Amino acid sequence: MRPLRIFIILLTLTTACKQKIISGPELEKRLIKTMQDHLDKTGKKDAVYKVEDVTFFADKEKKLYNCEFHVNVKAGDVHLDTTGIMKADIPNDFSEVLRKQ
Protein backbone atom coordinates (compact mmCIF):
# COMPACT_ATOMS: atom_id res chain seq x y z
CA MET A 1 0.00 0.00 0.00
CA ARG A 2 2.85 2.37 0.80
CA PRO A 3 4.50 2.15 -2.66
CA LEU A 4 1.12 2.97 -4.22
CA ARG A 5 0.82 6.16 -2.13
CA ILE A 6 4.34 7.24 -3.06
CA PHE A 7 3.59 6.62 -6.74
CA ILE A 8 0.38 8.67 -6.58
CA ILE A 9 2.12 11.55 -4.81
CA LEU A 10 4.97 11.59 -7.34
CA LEU A 11 2.55 11.40 -10.24
CA THR A 12 0.54 14.31 -8.82
CA LEU A 13 3.66 16.42 -8.33
CA THR A 14 4.96 15.82 -11.84
CA THR A 15 1.67 16.67 -13.51
CA ALA A 16 1.06 19.72 -11.30
CA CYS A 17 4.53 21.18 -11.91
CA LYS A 18 4.49 20.72 -15.69
CA GLN A 19 4.60 24.04 -17.57
CA LYS A 20 1.39 24.79 -19.44
CA ILE A 21 1.68 25.12 -23.20
CA ILE A 22 -0.16 28.20 -24.35
CA SER A 23 -1.23 29.06 -27.87
CA GLY A 24 -3.46 31.33 -29.90
CA PRO A 25 -4.67 34.62 -28.44
CA GLU A 26 -3.25 33.82 -25.01
CA LEU A 27 0.24 33.40 -26.50
CA GLU A 28 -0.09 36.66 -28.45
CA LYS A 29 -1.09 38.52 -25.28
CA ARG A 30 1.88 37.05 -23.41
CA LEU A 31 4.33 38.05 -26.16
CA ILE A 32 2.89 41.58 -26.29
CA LYS A 33 3.08 41.91 -22.51
CA THR A 34 6.70 40.69 -22.48
CA MET A 35 7.70 43.24 -25.14
CA GLN A 36 5.72 46.02 -23.44
CA ASP A 37 7.47 45.33 -20.13
CA HIS A 38 10.85 45.34 -21.89
CA LEU A 39 10.15 48.69 -23.58
CA ASP A 40 8.91 50.21 -20.32
CA LYS A 41 12.17 49.21 -18.62
CA THR A 42 14.69 49.96 -21.37
CA GLY A 43 13.02 52.64 -23.49
CA LYS A 44 13.79 56.35 -23.44
CA LYS A 45 12.39 58.14 -20.41
CA ASP A 46 10.56 60.86 -22.37
CA ALA A 47 8.86 58.43 -24.78
CA VAL A 48 5.71 56.36 -24.32
CA TYR A 49 5.53 52.98 -26.04
CA LYS A 50 2.40 50.97 -26.82
CA VAL A 51 2.72 47.55 -28.45
CA GLU A 52 -0.25 47.22 -30.78
CA ASP A 53 0.09 43.72 -32.26
CA VAL A 54 2.52 40.90 -32.96
CA THR A 55 3.28 38.46 -35.76
CA PHE A 56 5.39 35.52 -34.65
CA PHE A 57 6.90 32.21 -35.64
CA ALA A 58 7.79 29.49 -33.11
CA ASP A 59 11.35 28.22 -33.68
CA LYS A 60 11.27 24.82 -31.96
CA GLU A 61 14.98 24.09 -32.48
CA LYS A 62 16.14 27.27 -30.73
CA LYS A 63 13.18 27.22 -28.32
CA LEU A 64 12.13 30.80 -28.97
CA TYR A 65 9.61 32.93 -30.81
CA ASN A 66 10.70 35.13 -33.76
CA CYS A 67 8.47 38.16 -33.37
CA GLU A 68 7.61 41.30 -35.30
CA PHE A 69 5.80 43.95 -33.25
CA HIS A 70 3.96 47.07 -34.38
CA VAL A 71 4.77 49.68 -31.75
CA ASN A 72 3.30 53.17 -31.37
CA VAL A 73 5.84 55.64 -29.99
CA LYS A 74 4.98 59.08 -28.61
CA ALA A 75 7.85 61.41 -27.80
CA GLY A 76 7.03 63.78 -24.94
CA ASP A 77 8.87 67.03 -25.68
CA VAL A 78 8.23 67.38 -29.40
CA HIS A 79 4.81 65.67 -29.45
CA LEU A 80 5.86 63.28 -32.19
CA ASP A 81 3.71 60.23 -32.79
CA THR A 82 4.77 57.34 -35.00
CA THR A 83 4.15 53.63 -35.45
CA GLY A 84 7.07 51.42 -36.33
CA ILE A 85 8.12 47.80 -36.53
CA MET A 86 10.40 46.20 -33.94
CA LYS A 87 11.78 42.70 -34.38
CA ALA A 88 12.84 40.54 -31.45
CA ASP A 89 13.35 36.98 -30.29
CA ILE A 90 11.64 35.88 -27.10
CA PRO A 91 12.54 32.55 -25.43
CA ASN A 92 9.77 30.04 -24.65
CA ASP A 93 9.95 30.95 -20.95
CA PHE A 94 9.38 34.68 -21.72
CA SER A 95 12.40 35.58 -19.55
CA GLU A 96 14.00 38.15 -21.84
CA VAL A 97 13.71 40.05 -25.09
CA LEU A 98 16.50 39.84 -27.65
CA ARG A 99 16.00 42.85 -29.94
CA LYS A 100 17.05 42.42 -33.57
CA GLN A 101 15.75 45.65 -35.07
PDB file of N, CA and C in Angstrom:
ATOM      1  N   MET A   1       0.812  -1.192   0.000  1.00  0.00           N
ATOM      2  CA  MET A   1       0.000   0.000   0.000  1.00  0.00           C
ATOM      3  C   MET A   1       0.861   1.263   0.000  1.00  0.00           C
ATOM      4  N   ARG A   2       1.979   1.202   0.715  1.00  0.00           N
ATOM      5  CA  ARG A   2       2.846   2.372   0.805  1.00  0.00           C
ATOM      6  C   ARG A   2       3.461   2.739  -0.548  1.00  0.00           C
ATOM      7  N   PRO A   3       3.954   1.790  -1.340  1.00  0.00           N
ATOM      8  CA  PRO A   3       4.495   2.152  -2.659  1.00  0.00           C
ATOM      9  C   PRO A   3       3.442   2.798  -3.571  1.00  0.00           C
ATOM     10  N   LEU A   4       2.184   2.382  -3.419  1.00  0.00           N
ATOM     11  CA  LEU A   4       1.117   2.972  -4.220  1.00  0.00           C
ATOM     12  C   LEU A   4       0.924   4.446  -3.852  1.00  0.00           C
ATOM     13  N   ARG A   5       0.959   4.775  -2.579  1.00  0.00           N
ATOM     14  CA  ARG A   5       0.824   6.161  -2.131  1.00  0.00           C
ATOM     15  C   ARG A   5       1.969   7.021  -2.662  1.00  0.00           C
ATOM     16  N   ILE A   6       3.173   6.496  -2.573  1.00  0.00           N
ATOM     17  CA  ILE A   6       4.335   7.240  -3.059  1.00  0.00           C
ATOM     18  C   ILE A   6       4.208   7.485  -4.561  1.00  0.00           C
ATOM     19  N   PHE A   7       3.786   6.472  -5.296  1.00  0.00           N
ATOM     20  CA  PHE A   7       3.595   6.620  -6.740  1.00  0.00           C
ATOM     21  C   PHE A   7       2.550   7.688  -7.049  1.00  0.00           C
ATOM     22  N   ILE A   8       1.444   7.685  -6.355  1.00  0.00           N
ATOM     23  CA  ILE A   8       0.377   8.665  -6.580  1.00  0.00           C
ATOM     24  C   ILE A   8       0.860  10.072  -6.256  1.00  0.00           C
ATOM     25  N   ILE A   9       1.596  10.236  -5.184  1.00  0.00           N
ATOM     26  CA  ILE A   9       2.125  11.550  -4.806  1.00  0.00           C
ATOM     27  C   ILE A   9       3.108  12.050  -5.867  1.00  0.00           C
ATOM     28  N   LEU A  10       4.005  11.189  -6.301  1.00  0.00           N
ATOM     29  CA  LEU A  10       4.967  11.587  -7.335  1.00  0.00           C
ATOM     30  C   LEU A  10       4.281  11.916  -8.658  1.00  0.00           C
ATOM     31  N   LEU A  11       3.296  11.143  -9.015  1.00  0.00           N
ATOM     32  CA  LEU A  11       2.549  11.404 -10.240  1.00  0.00           C
ATOM     33  C   LEU A  11       1.825  12.745 -10.155  1.00  0.00           C
ATOM     34  N   THR A  12       1.231  13.032  -9.025  1.00  0.00           N
ATOM     35  CA  THR A  12       0.539  14.306  -8.820  1.00  0.00           C
ATOM     36  C   THR A  12       1.506  15.476  -8.910  1.00  0.00           C
ATOM     37  N   LEU A  13       2.665  15.351  -8.293  1.00  0.00           N
ATOM     38  CA  LEU A  13       3.656  16.423  -8.335  1.00  0.00           C
ATOM     39  C   LEU A  13       4.175  16.677  -9.749  1.00  0.00           C
ATOM     40  N   THR A  14       4.430  15.625 -10.487  1.00  0.00           N
ATOM     41  CA  THR A  14       4.961  15.819 -11.835  1.00  0.00           C
ATOM     42  C   THR A  14       3.934  16.437 -12.778  1.00  0.00           C
ATOM     43  N   THR A  15       2.686  16.075 -12.642  1.00  0.00           N
ATOM     44  CA  THR A  15       1.667  16.672 -13.511  1.00  0.00           C
ATOM     45  C   THR A  15       1.312  18.087 -13.072  1.00  0.00           C
ATOM     46  N   ALA A  16       1.383  18.376 -11.796  1.00  0.00           N
ATOM     47  CA  ALA A  16       1.059  19.716 -11.304  1.00  0.00           C
ATOM     48  C   ALA A  16       2.159  20.715 -11.627  1.00  0.00           C
ATOM     49  N   CYS A  17       3.394  20.277 -11.680  1.00  0.00           N
ATOM     50  CA  CYS A  17       4.530  21.178 -11.915  1.00  0.00           C
ATOM     51  C   CYS A  17       4.861  21.350 -13.389  1.00  0.00           C
ATOM     52  N   LYS A  18       4.207  20.633 -14.257  1.00  0.00           N
ATOM     53  CA  LYS A  18       4.493  20.724 -15.686  1.00  0.00           C
ATOM     54  C   LYS A  18       4.039  22.081 -16.215  1.00  0.00           C
ATOM     55  N   GLN A  19       4.914  22.735 -17.018  1.00  0.00           N
ATOM     56  CA  GLN A  19       4.601  24.035 -17.573  1.00  0.00           C
ATOM     57  C   GLN A  19       3.480  23.905 -18.600  1.00  0.00           C
ATOM     58  N   LYS A  20       2.493  24.803 -18.504  1.00  0.00           N
ATOM     59  CA  LYS A  20       1.391  24.792 -19.442  1.00  0.00           C
ATOM     60  C   LYS A  20       1.858  25.294 -20.798  1.00  0.00           C
ATOM     61  N   ILE A  21       1.386  24.667 -21.843  1.00  0.00           N
ATOM     62  CA  ILE A  21       1.679  25.115 -23.198  1.00  0.00           C
ATOM     63  C   ILE A  21       0.531  26.019 -23.622  1.00  0.00           C
ATOM     64  N   ILE A  22       0.880  27.261 -23.946  1.00  0.00           N
ATOM     65  CA  ILE A  22      -0.159  28.200 -24.347  1.00  0.00           C
ATOM     66  C   ILE A  22      -0.079  28.417 -25.856  1.00  0.00           C
ATOM     67  N   SER A  23      -1.191  28.819 -26.430  1.00  0.00           N
ATOM     68  CA  SER A  23      -1.227  29.063 -27.868  1.00  0.00           C
ATOM     69  C   SER A  23      -2.340  30.056 -28.179  1.00  0.00           C
ATOM     70  N   GLY A  24      -2.409  30.452 -29.429  1.00  0.00           N
ATOM     71  CA  GLY A  24      -3.465  31.328 -29.899  1.00  0.00           C
ATOM     72  C   GLY A  24      -3.424  32.705 -29.279  1.00  0.00           C
ATOM     73  N   PRO A  25      -4.593  33.269 -28.980  1.00  0.00           N
ATOM     74  CA  PRO A  25      -4.672  34.621 -28.442  1.00  0.00           C
ATOM     75  C   PRO A  25      -3.945  34.789 -27.104  1.00  0.00           C
ATOM     76  N   GLU A  26      -3.943  33.745 -26.297  1.00  0.00           N
ATOM     77  CA  GLU A  26      -3.250  33.816 -25.010  1.00  0.00           C
ATOM     78  C   GLU A  26      -1.742  33.978 -25.211  1.00  0.00           C
ATOM     79  N   LEU A  27      -1.185  33.290 -26.184  1.00  0.00           N
ATOM     80  CA  LEU A  27       0.238  33.405 -26.500  1.00  0.00           C
ATOM     81  C   LEU A  27       0.556  34.791 -27.042  1.00  0.00           C
ATOM     82  N   GLU A  28      -0.288  35.311 -27.924  1.00  0.00           N
ATOM     83  CA  GLU A  28      -0.088  36.660 -28.450  1.00  0.00           C
ATOM     84  C   GLU A  28      -0.085  37.696 -27.326  1.00  0.00           C
ATOM     85  N   LYS A  29      -1.025  37.579 -26.410  1.00  0.00           N
ATOM     86  CA  LYS A  29      -1.086  38.516 -25.276  1.00  0.00           C
ATOM     87  C   LYS A  29       0.174  38.435 -24.431  1.00  0.00           C
ATOM     88  N   ARG A  30       0.678  37.229 -24.226  1.00  0.00           N
ATOM     89  CA  ARG A  30       1.882  37.050 -23.411  1.00  0.00           C
ATOM     90  C   ARG A  30       3.113  37.646 -24.093  1.00  0.00           C
ATOM     91  N   LEU A  31       3.219  37.468 -25.414  1.00  0.00           N
ATOM     92  CA  LEU A  31       4.330  38.054 -26.165  1.00  0.00           C
ATOM     93  C   LEU A  31       4.258  39.581 -26.145  1.00  0.00           C
ATOM     94  N   ILE A  32       3.069  40.127 -26.330  1.00  0.00           N
ATOM     95  CA  ILE A  32       2.892  41.584 -26.290  1.00  0.00           C
ATOM     96  C   ILE A  32       3.238  42.121 -24.921  1.00  0.00           C
ATOM     97  N   LYS A  33       2.792  41.459 -23.870  1.00  0.00           N
ATOM     98  CA  LYS A  33       3.083  41.907 -22.505  1.00  0.00           C
ATOM     99  C   LYS A  33       4.583  41.861 -22.225  1.00  0.00           C
ATOM    100  N   THR A  34       5.260  40.809 -22.688  1.00  0.00           N
ATOM    101  CA  THR A  34       6.703  40.693 -22.483  1.00  0.00           C
ATOM    102  C   THR A  34       7.442  41.835 -23.170  1.00  0.00           C
ATOM    103  N   MET A  35       7.059  42.140 -24.415  1.00  0.00           N
ATOM    104  CA  MET A  35       7.703  43.241 -25.141  1.00  0.00           C
ATOM    105  C   MET A  35       7.372  44.584 -24.512  1.00  0.00           C
ATOM    106  N   GLN A  36       6.123  44.765 -24.082  1.00  0.00           N
ATOM    107  CA  GLN A  36       5.719  46.019 -23.441  1.00  0.00           C
ATOM    108  C   GLN A  36       6.520  46.244 -22.161  1.00  0.00           C
ATOM    109  N   ASP A  37       6.677  45.219 -21.359  1.00  0.00           N
ATOM    110  CA  ASP A  37       7.473  45.330 -20.130  1.00  0.00           C
ATOM    111  C   ASP A  37       8.925  45.676 -20.446  1.00  0.00           C
ATOM    112  N   HIS A  38       9.469  45.058 -21.490  1.00  0.00           N
ATOM    113  CA  HIS A  38      10.849  45.337 -21.895  1.00  0.00           C
ATOM    114  C   HIS A  38      11.008  46.795 -22.325  1.00  0.00           C
ATOM    115  N   LEU A  39      10.072  47.298 -23.131  1.00  0.00           N
ATOM    116  CA  LEU A  39      10.155  48.687 -23.581  1.00  0.00           C
ATOM    117  C   LEU A  39       9.968  49.667 -22.430  1.00  0.00           C
ATOM    118  N   ASP A  40       9.101  49.338 -21.487  1.00  0.00           N
ATOM    119  CA  ASP A  40       8.908  50.212 -20.324  1.00  0.00           C
ATOM    120  C   ASP A  40      10.181  50.312 -19.488  1.00  0.00           C
ATOM    121  N   LYS A  41      10.937  49.219 -19.407  1.00  0.00           N
ATOM    122  CA  LYS A  41      12.171  49.209 -18.617  1.00  0.00           C
ATOM    123  C   LYS A  41      13.342  49.853 -19.351  1.00  0.00           C
ATOM    124  N   THR A  42      13.478  49.564 -20.647  1.00  0.00           N
ATOM    125  CA  THR A  42      14.690  49.961 -21.367  1.00  0.00           C
ATOM    126  C   THR A  42      14.495  51.134 -22.322  1.00  0.00           C
ATOM    127  N   GLY A  43      13.275  51.569 -22.537  1.00  0.00           N
ATOM    128  CA  GLY A  43      13.023  52.640 -23.494  1.00  0.00           C
ATOM    129  C   GLY A  43      13.455  53.998 -22.964  1.00  0.00           C
ATOM    130  N   LYS A  44      13.433  54.985 -23.837  1.00  0.00           N
ATOM    131  CA  LYS A  44      13.786  56.346 -23.437  1.00  0.00           C
ATOM    132  C   LYS A  44      12.769  56.869 -22.435  1.00  0.00           C
ATOM    133  N   LYS A  45      13.249  57.662 -21.500  1.00  0.00           N
ATOM    134  CA  LYS A  45      12.389  58.139 -20.406  1.00  0.00           C
ATOM    135  C   LYS A  45      11.293  59.088 -20.882  1.00  0.00           C
ATOM    136  N   ASP A  46      11.552  59.877 -21.918  1.00  0.00           N
ATOM    137  CA  ASP A  46      10.558  60.859 -22.366  1.00  0.00           C
ATOM    138  C   ASP A  46       9.619  60.318 -23.440  1.00  0.00           C
ATOM    139  N   ALA A  47       9.712  59.038 -23.756  1.00  0.00           N
ATOM    140  CA  ALA A  47       8.855  58.432 -24.776  1.00  0.00           C
ATOM    141  C   ALA A  47       7.883  57.446 -24.137  1.00  0.00           C
ATOM    142  N   VAL A  48       6.725  57.324 -24.764  1.00  0.00           N
ATOM    143  CA  VAL A  48       5.708  56.365 -24.318  1.00  0.00           C
ATOM    144  C   VAL A  48       5.531  55.334 -25.435  1.00  0.00           C
ATOM    145  N   TYR A  49       5.633  54.067 -25.081  1.00  0.00           N
ATOM    146  CA  TYR A  49       5.533  52.978 -26.039  1.00  0.00           C
ATOM    147  C   TYR A  49       4.246  52.203 -25.815  1.00  0.00           C
ATOM    148  N   LYS A  50       3.581  51.833 -26.920  1.00  0.00           N
ATOM    149  CA  LYS A  50       2.401  50.974 -26.823  1.00  0.00           C
ATOM    150  C   LYS A  50       2.505  49.915 -27.917  1.00  0.00           C
ATOM    151  N   VAL A  51       2.647  48.665 -27.507  1.00  0.00           N
ATOM    152  CA  VAL A  51       2.723  47.552 -28.454  1.00  0.00           C
ATOM    153  C   VAL A  51       1.306  47.247 -28.927  1.00  0.00           C
ATOM    154  N   GLU A  52       1.097  47.366 -30.229  1.00  0.00           N
ATOM    155  CA  GLU A  52      -0.252  47.216 -30.779  1.00  0.00           C
ATOM    156  C   GLU A  52      -0.577  45.783 -31.173  1.00  0.00           C
ATOM    157  N   ASP A  53       0.344  45.107 -31.876  1.00  0.00           N
ATOM    158  CA  ASP A  53       0.092  43.718 -32.260  1.00  0.00           C
ATOM    159  C   ASP A  53       1.415  43.013 -32.543  1.00  0.00           C
ATOM    160  N   VAL A  54       1.328  41.712 -32.737  1.00  0.00           N
ATOM    161  CA  VAL A  54       2.521  40.904 -32.962  1.00  0.00           C
ATOM    162  C   VAL A  54       2.237  39.844 -34.027  1.00  0.00           C
ATOM    163  N   THR A  55       3.257  39.595 -34.838  1.00  0.00           N
ATOM    164  CA  THR A  55       3.277  38.464 -35.755  1.00  0.00           C
ATOM    165  C   THR A  55       4.478  37.628 -35.341  1.00  0.00           C
ATOM    166  N   PHE A  56       4.294  36.324 -35.191  1.00  0.00           N
ATOM    167  CA  PHE A  56       5.389  35.523 -34.654  1.00  0.00           C
ATOM    168  C   PHE A  56       5.454  34.157 -35.317  1.00  0.00           C
ATOM    169  N   PHE A  57       6.639  33.559 -35.168  1.00  0.00           N
ATOM    170  CA  PHE A  57       6.898  32.207 -35.644  1.00  0.00           C
ATOM    171  C   PHE A  57       7.620  31.464 -34.529  1.00  0.00           C
ATOM    172  N   ALA A  58       7.162  30.284 -34.170  1.00  0.00           N
ATOM    173  CA  ALA A  58       7.791  29.493 -33.115  1.00  0.00           C
ATOM    174  C   ALA A  58       8.942  28.679 -33.713  1.00  0.00           C
ATOM    175  N   ASP A  59      10.166  28.969 -33.257  1.00  0.00           N
ATOM    176  CA  ASP A  59      11.348  28.220 -33.681  1.00  0.00           C
ATOM    177  C   ASP A  59      11.605  27.140 -32.636  1.00  0.00           C
ATOM    178  N   LYS A  60      11.203  25.907 -32.941  1.00  0.00           N
ATOM    179  CA  LYS A  60      11.272  24.824 -31.959  1.00  0.00           C
ATOM    180  C   LYS A  60      12.700  24.361 -31.703  1.00  0.00           C
ATOM    181  N   GLU A  61      13.590  24.493 -32.687  1.00  0.00           N
ATOM    182  CA  GLU A  61      14.977  24.087 -32.485  1.00  0.00           C
ATOM    183  C   GLU A  61      15.688  24.997 -31.485  1.00  0.00           C
ATOM    184  N   LYS A  62      15.488  26.295 -31.630  1.00  0.00           N
ATOM    185  CA  LYS A  62      16.136  27.267 -30.731  1.00  0.00           C
ATOM    186  C   LYS A  62      15.309  27.552 -29.482  1.00  0.00           C
ATOM    187  N   LYS A  63      14.098  27.035 -29.453  1.00  0.00           N
ATOM    188  CA  LYS A  63      13.177  27.217 -28.324  1.00  0.00           C
ATOM    189  C   LYS A  63      12.918  28.698 -28.058  1.00  0.00           C
ATOM    190  N   LEU A  64      12.483  29.389 -29.110  1.00  0.00           N
ATOM    191  CA  LEU A  64      12.126  30.795 -28.971  1.00  0.00           C
ATOM    192  C   LEU A  64      11.106  31.183 -30.021  1.00  0.00           C
ATOM    193  N   TYR A  65      10.568  32.389 -29.868  1.00  0.00           N
ATOM    194  CA  TYR A  65       9.607  32.935 -30.815  1.00  0.00           C
ATOM    195  C   TYR A  65      10.275  34.073 -31.579  1.00  0.00           C
ATOM    196  N   ASN A  66      10.247  34.024 -32.911  1.00  0.00           N
ATOM    197  CA  ASN A  66      10.702  35.127 -33.759  1.00  0.00           C
ATOM    198  C   ASN A  66       9.506  36.052 -33.930  1.00  0.00           C
ATOM    199  N   CYS A  67       9.622  37.260 -33.416  1.00  0.00           N
ATOM    200  CA  CYS A  67       8.470  38.164 -33.369  1.00  0.00           C
ATOM    201  C   CYS A  67       8.709  39.443 -34.151  1.00  0.00           C
ATOM    202  N   GLU A  68       7.617  39.992 -34.672  1.00  0.00           N
ATOM    203  CA  GLU A  68       7.608  41.297 -35.304  1.00  0.00           C
ATOM    204  C   GLU A  68       6.450  42.084 -34.682  1.00  0.00           C
ATOM    205  N   PHE A  69       6.782  43.160 -33.985  1.00  0.00           N
ATOM    206  CA  PHE A  69       5.798  43.953 -33.253  1.00  0.00           C
ATOM    207  C   PHE A  69       5.538  45.274 -33.964  1.00  0.00           C
ATOM    208  N   HIS A  70       4.294  45.715 -33.970  1.00  0.00           N
ATOM    209  CA  HIS A  70       3.956  47.073 -34.377  1.00  0.00           C
ATOM    210  C   HIS A  70       3.842  47.878 -33.084  1.00  0.00           C
ATOM    211  N   VAL A  71       4.683  48.907 -32.985  1.00  0.00           N
ATOM    212  CA  VAL A  71       4.768  49.681 -31.748  1.00  0.00           C
ATOM    213  C   VAL A  71       4.495  51.142 -32.049  1.00  0.00           C
ATOM    214  N   ASN A  72       3.579  51.741 -31.286  1.00  0.00           N
ATOM    215  CA  ASN A  72       3.297  53.167 -31.370  1.00  0.00           C
ATOM    216  C   ASN A  72       4.190  53.877 -30.362  1.00  0.00           C
ATOM    217  N   VAL A  73       4.925  54.894 -30.845  1.00  0.00           N
ATOM    218  CA  VAL A  73       5.844  55.641 -29.991  1.00  0.00           C
ATOM    219  C   VAL A  73       5.428  57.101 -29.980  1.00  0.00           C
ATOM    220  N   LYS A  74       5.291  57.654 -28.783  1.00  0.00           N
ATOM    221  CA  LYS A  74       4.983  59.079 -28.614  1.00  0.00           C
ATOM    222  C   LYS A  74       6.119  59.711 -27.830  1.00  0.00           C
ATOM    223  N   ALA A  75       6.779  60.689 -28.477  1.00  0.00           N
ATOM    224  CA  ALA A  75       7.853  61.414 -27.802  1.00  0.00           C
ATOM    225  C   ALA A  75       7.242  62.597 -27.065  1.00  0.00           C
ATOM    226  N   GLY A  76       7.652  62.793 -25.810  1.00  0.00           N
ATOM    227  CA  GLY A  76       7.026  63.778 -24.938  1.00  0.00           C
ATOM    228  C   GLY A  76       7.287  65.222 -25.299  1.00  0.00           C
ATOM    229  N   ASP A  77       8.536  65.618 -25.508  1.00  0.00           N
ATOM    230  CA  ASP A  77       8.871  67.027 -25.679  1.00  0.00           C
ATOM    231  C   ASP A  77       8.384  67.605 -27.001  1.00  0.00           C
ATOM    232  N   VAL A  78       8.517  66.854 -28.069  1.00  0.00           N
ATOM    233  CA  VAL A  78       8.226  67.379 -29.398  1.00  0.00           C
ATOM    234  C   VAL A  78       6.814  66.996 -29.856  1.00  0.00           C
ATOM    235  N   HIS A  79       6.153  66.160 -29.130  1.00  0.00           N
ATOM    236  CA  HIS A  79       4.808  65.671 -29.453  1.00  0.00           C
ATOM    237  C   HIS A  79       4.790  64.917 -30.784  1.00  0.00           C
ATOM    238  N   LEU A  80       5.815  64.122 -31.001  1.00  0.00           N
ATOM    239  CA  LEU A  80       5.856  63.276 -32.187  1.00  0.00           C
ATOM    240  C   LEU A  80       5.128  61.969 -31.900  1.00  0.00           C
ATOM    241  N   ASP A  81       4.454  61.474 -32.909  1.00  0.00           N
ATOM    242  CA  ASP A  81       3.709  60.228 -32.788  1.00  0.00           C
ATOM    243  C   ASP A  81       3.982  59.398 -34.040  1.00  0.00           C
ATOM    244  N   THR A  82       4.476  58.188 -33.858  1.00  0.00           N
ATOM    245  CA  THR A  82       4.772  57.340 -35.000  1.00  0.00           C
ATOM    246  C   THR A  82       4.556  55.878 -34.639  1.00  0.00           C
ATOM    247  N   THR A  83       4.261  55.078 -35.632  1.00  0.00           N
ATOM    248  CA  THR A  83       4.146  53.631 -35.448  1.00  0.00           C
ATOM    249  C   THR A  83       5.227  52.967 -36.284  1.00  0.00           C
ATOM    250  N   GLY A  84       5.984  52.091 -35.639  1.00  0.00           N
ATOM    251  CA  GLY A  84       7.074  51.421 -36.326  1.00  0.00           C
ATOM    252  C   GLY A  84       7.056  49.935 -36.057  1.00  0.00           C
ATOM    253  N   ILE A  85       8.001  49.246 -36.682  1.00  0.00           N
ATOM    254  CA  ILE A  85       8.119  47.801 -36.533  1.00  0.00           C
ATOM    255  C   ILE A  85       9.383  47.504 -35.737  1.00  0.00           C
ATOM    256  N   MET A  86       9.259  46.667 -34.728  1.00  0.00           N
ATOM    257  CA  MET A  86      10.395  46.196 -33.944  1.00  0.00           C
ATOM    258  C   MET A  86      10.424  44.683 -34.041  1.00  0.00           C
ATOM    259  N   LYS A  87      11.618  44.155 -34.288  1.00  0.00           N
ATOM    260  CA  LYS A  87      11.778  42.699 -34.376  1.00  0.00           C
ATOM    261  C   LYS A  87      12.576  42.230 -33.169  1.00  0.00           C
ATOM    262  N   ALA A  88      12.169  41.080 -32.628  1.00  0.00           N
ATOM    263  CA  ALA A  88      12.839  40.542 -31.447  1.00  0.00           C
ATOM    264  C   ALA A  88      12.607  39.045 -31.362  1.00  0.00           C
ATOM    265  N   ASP A  89      13.514  38.387 -30.643  1.00  0.00           N
ATOM    266  CA  ASP A  89      13.347  36.981 -30.292  1.00  0.00           C
ATOM    267  C   ASP A  89      13.012  36.906 -28.813  1.00  0.00           C
ATOM    268  N   ILE A  90      12.035  36.069 -28.486  1.00  0.00           N
ATOM    269  CA  ILE A  90      11.637  35.878 -27.098  1.00  0.00           C
ATOM    270  C   ILE A  90      11.685  34.388 -26.798  1.00  0.00           C
ATOM    271  N   PRO A  91      12.462  33.979 -25.773  1.00  0.00           N
ATOM    272  CA  PRO A  91      12.539  32.549 -25.433  1.00  0.00           C
ATOM    273  C   PRO A  91      11.172  32.003 -24.986  1.00  0.00           C
ATOM    274  N   ASN A  92      11.037  30.683 -25.034  1.00  0.00           N
ATOM    275  CA  ASN A  92       9.773  30.039 -24.654  1.00  0.00           C
ATOM    276  C   ASN A  92       9.353  30.322 -23.220  1.00  0.00           C
ATOM    277  N   ASP A  93      10.311  30.648 -22.337  1.00  0.00           N
ATOM    278  CA  ASP A  93       9.953  30.951 -20.948  1.00  0.00           C
ATOM    279  C   ASP A  93       9.663  32.430 -20.723  1.00  0.00           C
ATOM    280  N   PHE A  94       9.701  33.241 -21.771  1.00  0.00           N
ATOM    281  CA  PHE A  94       9.382  34.677 -21.724  1.00  0.00           C
ATOM    282  C   PHE A  94      10.281  35.434 -20.748  1.00  0.00           C
ATOM    283  N   SER A  95      11.523  34.985 -20.552  1.00  0.00           N
ATOM    284  CA  SER A  95      12.402  35.580 -19.550  1.00  0.00           C
ATOM    285  C   SER A  95      13.110  36.835 -20.029  1.00  0.00           C
ATOM    286  N   GLU A  96      13.289  36.984 -21.331  1.00  0.00           N
ATOM    287  CA  GLU A  96      13.997  38.152 -21.837  1.00  0.00           C
ATOM    288  C   GLU A  96      13.566  38.464 -23.257  1.00  0.00           C
ATOM    289  N   VAL A  97      13.989  39.637 -23.729  1.00  0.00           N
ATOM    290  CA  VAL A  97      13.713  40.054 -25.091  1.00  0.00           C
ATOM    291  C   VAL A  97      15.036  40.326 -25.770  1.00  0.00           C
ATOM    292  N   LEU A  98      15.268  39.674 -26.892  1.00  0.00           N
ATOM    293  CA  LEU A  98      16.502  39.844 -27.652  1.00  0.00           C
ATOM    294  C   LEU A  98      16.165  40.648 -28.907  1.00  0.00           C
ATOM    295  N   ARG A  99      16.362  41.965 -28.828  1.00  0.00           N
ATOM    296  CA  ARG A  99      15.996  42.854 -29.941  1.00  0.00           C
ATOM    297  C   ARG A  99      16.891  42.611 -31.138  1.00  0.00           C
ATOM    298  N   LYS A 100      16.301  42.575 -32.318  1.00  0.00           N
ATOM    299  CA  LYS A 100      17.053  42.420 -33.575  1.00  0.00           C
ATOM    300  C   LYS A 100      17.000  43.708 -34.381  1.00  0.00           C
ATOM    301  N   GLN A 101      15.899  44.426 -34.300  1.00  0.00           N
ATOM    302  CA  GLN A 101      15.746  45.653 -35.070  1.00  0.00           C
ATOM    303  C   GLN A 101      14.814  46.569 -34.342  1.00  0.00           C
TER     304      GLN A 101
END
